[in-house]
C-alpha atoms as a PDB file:
ATOM      1  CA  UNK A   1      -0.093   0.082  -0.004  1.00  0.00           C
ATOM      2  CA  UNK A   2       1.326   3.279  -0.975  1.00  0.00           C
ATOM      3  CA  UNK A   3       0.779   6.240   0.898  1.00  0.00           C
ATOM      4  CA  UNK A   4       1.444   9.986  -0.016  1.00  0.00           C
ATOM      5  CA  UNK A   5       1.951  12.624   2.862  1.00  0.00           C
ATOM      6  CA  UNK A   6       0.481  16.607   2.667  1.00  0.00           C
ATOM      7  CA  UNK A   7       1.525  19.387   4.835  1.00  0.00           C
ATOM      8  CA  UNK A   8      -1.736  21.938   4.598  1.00  0.00           C
ATOM      9  CA  UNK A   9      -2.820  24.436   5.946  1.00  0.00           C
ATOM     10  CA  UNK A  10      -5.189  24.422   9.289  1.00  0.00           C
ATOM     11  CA  UNK A  11      -8.225  25.696   7.548  1.00  0.00           C
ATOM     12  CA  UNK A  12      -8.086  23.003   4.495  1.00  0.00           C
ATOM     13  CA  UNK A  13      -6.780  20.360   7.561  1.00  0.00           C
ATOM     14  CA  UNK A  14      -9.854  21.175   9.488  1.00  0.00           C
ATOM     15  CA  UNK A  15     -12.603  21.215   6.157  1.00  0.00           C
ATOM     16  CA  UNK A  16     -11.863  17.418   5.195  1.00  0.00           C
ATOM     17  CA  UNK A  17     -11.081  16.028   8.387  1.00  0.00           C
ATOM     18  CA  UNK A  18     -14.738  17.855   9.045  1.00  0.00           C
ATOM     19  CA  UNK A  19     -16.142  15.969   5.670  1.00  0.00           C
ATOM     20  CA  UNK A  20     -17.010  19.362   3.947  1.00  0.00           C
ATOM     21  CA  UNK A  21     -13.985  18.994   1.472  1.00  0.00           C
ATOM     22  CA  UNK A  22     -14.212  15.788  -0.392  1.00  0.00           C
ATOM     23  CA  UNK A  23     -11.626  16.035  -2.860  1.00  0.00           C
ATOM     24  CA  UNK A  24      -7.885  16.772  -2.833  1.00  0.00           C
ATOM     25  CA  UNK A  25      -5.752  18.254  -5.518  1.00  0.00           C
ATOM     26  CA  UNK A  26      -2.367  19.620  -5.559  1.00  0.00           C
ATOM     27  CA  UNK A  27       0.281  20.342  -7.851  1.00  0.00           C
ATOM     28  CA  UNK A  28       3.508  18.337  -8.482  1.00  0.00           C
ATOM     29  CA  UNK A  29       6.780  19.267  -9.014  1.00  0.00           C
ATOM     30  CA  UNK A  30       8.565  17.769 -11.905  1.00  0.00           C
ATOM     31  CA  UNK A  31      11.449  17.288  -9.611  1.00  0.00           C
ATOM     32  CA  UNK A  32       8.894  15.364  -7.209  1.00  0.00           C
ATOM     33  CA  UNK A  33       7.378  13.418 -10.622  1.00  0.00           C
ATOM     34  CA  UNK A  34       8.860   9.725 -10.097  1.00  0.00           C
ATOM     35  CA  UNK A  35       6.703   9.685  -6.381  1.00  0.00           C
ATOM     36  CA  UNK A  36       4.009   9.327  -8.643  1.00  0.00           C
ATOM     37  CA  UNK A  37       4.931   7.685 -11.770  1.00  0.00           C
ATOM     38  CA  UNK A  38       6.800   4.744 -11.974  1.00  0.00           C
ATOM     39  CA  UNK A  39       9.046   3.364 -15.275  1.00  0.00           C
ATOM     40  CA  UNK A  40       7.507  -0.377 -16.406  1.00  0.00           C
ATOM     41  CA  UNK A  41      10.132  -2.452 -18.333  1.00  0.00           C
ATOM     42  CA  UNK A  42       8.470  -1.695 -20.853  1.00  0.00           C
ATOM     43  CA  UNK A  43       9.944   1.726 -20.773  1.00  0.00           C
ATOM     44  CA  UNK A  44       6.319   3.356 -20.387  1.00  0.00           C
ATOM     45  CA  UNK A  45       5.187   6.150 -17.850  1.00  0.00           C
ATOM     46  CA  UNK A  46       2.484   4.549 -15.478  1.00  0.00           C
ATOM     47  CA  UNK A  47       0.685   6.136 -12.631  1.00  0.00           C
ATOM     48  CA  UNK A  48       1.211   4.338  -9.170  1.00  0.00           C
ATOM     49  CA  UNK A  49      -1.599   3.360  -7.238  1.00  0.00           C
ATOM     50  CA  UNK A  50      -2.549   4.905  -3.903  1.00  0.00           C
ATOM     51  CA  UNK A  51      -4.470   3.907  -1.261  1.00  0.00           C
ATOM     52  CA  UNK A  52      -4.094   6.421   1.573  1.00  0.00           C
ATOM     53  CA  UNK A  53      -3.358   9.796   1.520  1.00  0.00           C
ATOM     54  CA  UNK A  54      -1.591  11.603   4.980  1.00  0.00           C
ATOM     55  CA  UNK A  55      -3.057  15.051   5.578  1.00  0.00           C
ATOM     56  CA  UNK A  56      -0.556  17.224   8.640  1.00  0.00           C
ATOM     57  CA  UNK A  57      -0.698  20.715   9.818  1.00  0.00           C
ATOM     58  CA  UNK A  58       0.490  22.903  12.605  1.00  0.00           C
ATOM     59  CA  UNK A  59      -1.637  24.692  14.201  1.00  0.00           C
ATOM     60  CA  UNK A  60      -1.168  28.649  15.395  1.00  0.00           C
ATOM     61  CA  UNK A  61       0.560  27.224  19.127  1.00  0.00           C
ATOM     62  CA  UNK A  62       2.918  24.998  17.407  1.00  0.00           C
ATOM     63  CA  UNK A  63       0.596  21.669  17.557  1.00  0.00           C
ATOM     64  CA  UNK A  64       1.004  19.489  14.741  1.00  0.00           C
ATOM     65  CA  UNK A  65      -2.003  17.535  13.429  1.00  0.00           C
ATOM     66  CA  UNK A  66      -2.489  14.679  11.125  1.00  0.00           C
ATOM     67  CA  UNK A  67      -5.129  12.384  10.031  1.00  0.00           C
ATOM     68  CA  UNK A  68      -5.241   9.639   6.982  1.00  0.00           C
ATOM     69  CA  UNK A  69      -7.648   8.831   4.417  1.00  0.00           C
ATOM     70  CA  UNK A  70      -8.309   5.799   2.141  1.00  0.00           C
ATOM     71  CA  UNK A  71      -8.716   7.501  -1.195  1.00  0.00           C
ATOM     72  CA  UNK A  72     -11.234   6.473  -4.054  1.00  0.00           C
ATOM     73  CA  UNK A  73     -10.333   7.348  -7.382  1.00  0.00           C
ATOM     74  CA  UNK A  74      -7.439   9.455  -8.249  1.00  0.00           C
ATOM     75  CA  UNK A  75      -6.830  11.913 -11.632  1.00  0.00           C
ATOM     76  CA  UNK A  76      -3.786  13.023 -12.602  1.00  0.00           C
ATOM     77  CA  UNK A  77      -3.616  15.409 -15.436  1.00  0.00           C
ATOM     78  CA  UNK A  78      -0.206  15.014 -16.898  1.00  0.00           C
ATOM     79  CA  UNK A  79       0.150  18.296 -19.882  1.00  0.00           C
ATOM     80  CA  UNK A  80       3.005  17.821 -22.089  1.00  0.00           C
ATOM     81  CA  UNK A  81       4.210  20.459 -24.217  1.00  0.00           C
ATOM     82  CA  UNK A  82       3.411  21.370 -27.934  1.00  0.00           C
ATOM     83  CA  UNK A  83       7.072  20.915 -28.538  1.00  0.00           C
ATOM     84  CA  UNK A  84       7.718  17.304 -27.058  1.00  0.00           C
ATOM     85  CA  UNK A  85       4.013  17.010 -29.216  1.00  0.00           C
ATOM     86  CA  UNK A  86       5.157  18.308 -31.987  1.00  0.00           C
ATOM     87  CA  UNK A  87       8.595  15.226 -32.310  1.00  0.00           C
ATOM     88  CA  UNK A  88       8.070  13.289 -35.205  1.00  0.00           C
ATOM     89  CA  UNK A  89       8.809  10.158 -33.210  1.00  0.00           C
ATOM     90  CA  UNK A  90       5.496   8.646 -31.226  1.00  0.00           C
ATOM     91  CA  UNK A  91       7.710   7.757 -28.108  1.00  0.00           C
ATOM     92  CA  UNK A  92       7.157  11.116 -25.974  1.00  0.00           C
ATOM     93  CA  UNK A  93       8.705   8.850 -22.670  1.00  0.00           C
ATOM     94  CA  UNK A  94      12.694   8.994 -24.815  1.00  0.00           C
ATOM     95  CA  UNK A  95      11.923  13.219 -24.606  1.00  0.00           C
ATOM     96  CA  UNK A  96      11.060  13.862 -21.575  1.00  0.00           C
ATOM     97  CA  UNK A  97      13.073  15.992 -19.316  1.00  0.00           C
ATOM     98  CA  UNK A  98      11.955  17.147 -16.177  1.00  0.00           C
ATOM     99  CA  UNK A  99      13.365  20.515 -16.438  1.00  0.00           C
ATOM    100  CA  UNK A 100      10.806  21.361 -19.131  1.00  0.00           C
ATOM    101  CA  UNK A 101       8.210  19.638 -18.064  1.00  0.00           C
ATOM    102  CA  UNK A 102       4.855  21.855 -16.489  1.00  0.00           C
ATOM    103  CA  UNK A 103       3.400  20.663 -13.271  1.00  0.00           C
ATOM    104  CA  UNK A 104       1.242  17.849 -12.929  1.00  0.00           C
ATOM    105  CA  UNK A 105      -2.313  17.944 -11.127  1.00  0.00           C
ATOM    106  CA  UNK A 106      -3.034  15.520  -9.000  1.00  0.00           C
ATOM    107  CA  UNK A 107      -6.449  15.076  -7.449  1.00  0.00           C
ATOM    108  CA  UNK A 108      -7.890  12.566  -4.554  1.00  0.00           C
ATOM    109  CA  UNK A 109     -11.450  11.735  -3.620  1.00  0.00           C
ATOM    110  CA  UNK A 110     -11.462  11.139  -0.045  1.00  0.00           C
ATOM    111  CA  UNK A 111     -13.417   8.376   1.114  1.00  0.00           C
ATOM    112  CA  UNK A 112     -13.440   6.959   4.787  1.00  0.00           C
ATOM    113  CA  UNK A 113     -11.295   8.371   7.279  1.00  0.00           C
ATOM    114  CA  UNK A 114      -8.262   5.642   9.038  1.00  0.00           C
ATOM    115  CA  UNK A 115      -7.695   5.331  12.469  1.00  0.00           C
ATOM    116  CA  UNK A 116      -4.509   6.092  13.285  1.00  0.00           C
END
């Protein structure tokens, strides 16, 4: 089971824990993309499966809080710059360069909160 951890603002943390916010969306830096994607033996890029998301926050008094959620569907929007799409090769993976890639966006559907 893969787990992702995000540090978020206290207000968003409270909404998530209270069940008022059912989805969480974040941007992935190109340098961190390997945490979300894997290169298969056939040299193609696939999305890793994430079953649990942990949210952490620090309150104004310095107290730290965290919670775990089981996720439902994950959606990742991975934007590929036009200059890569315009290459004659059909294998975009061979042109992948994290310095030239924009952030990817990942959205999690938050199902049920897990005991810690």
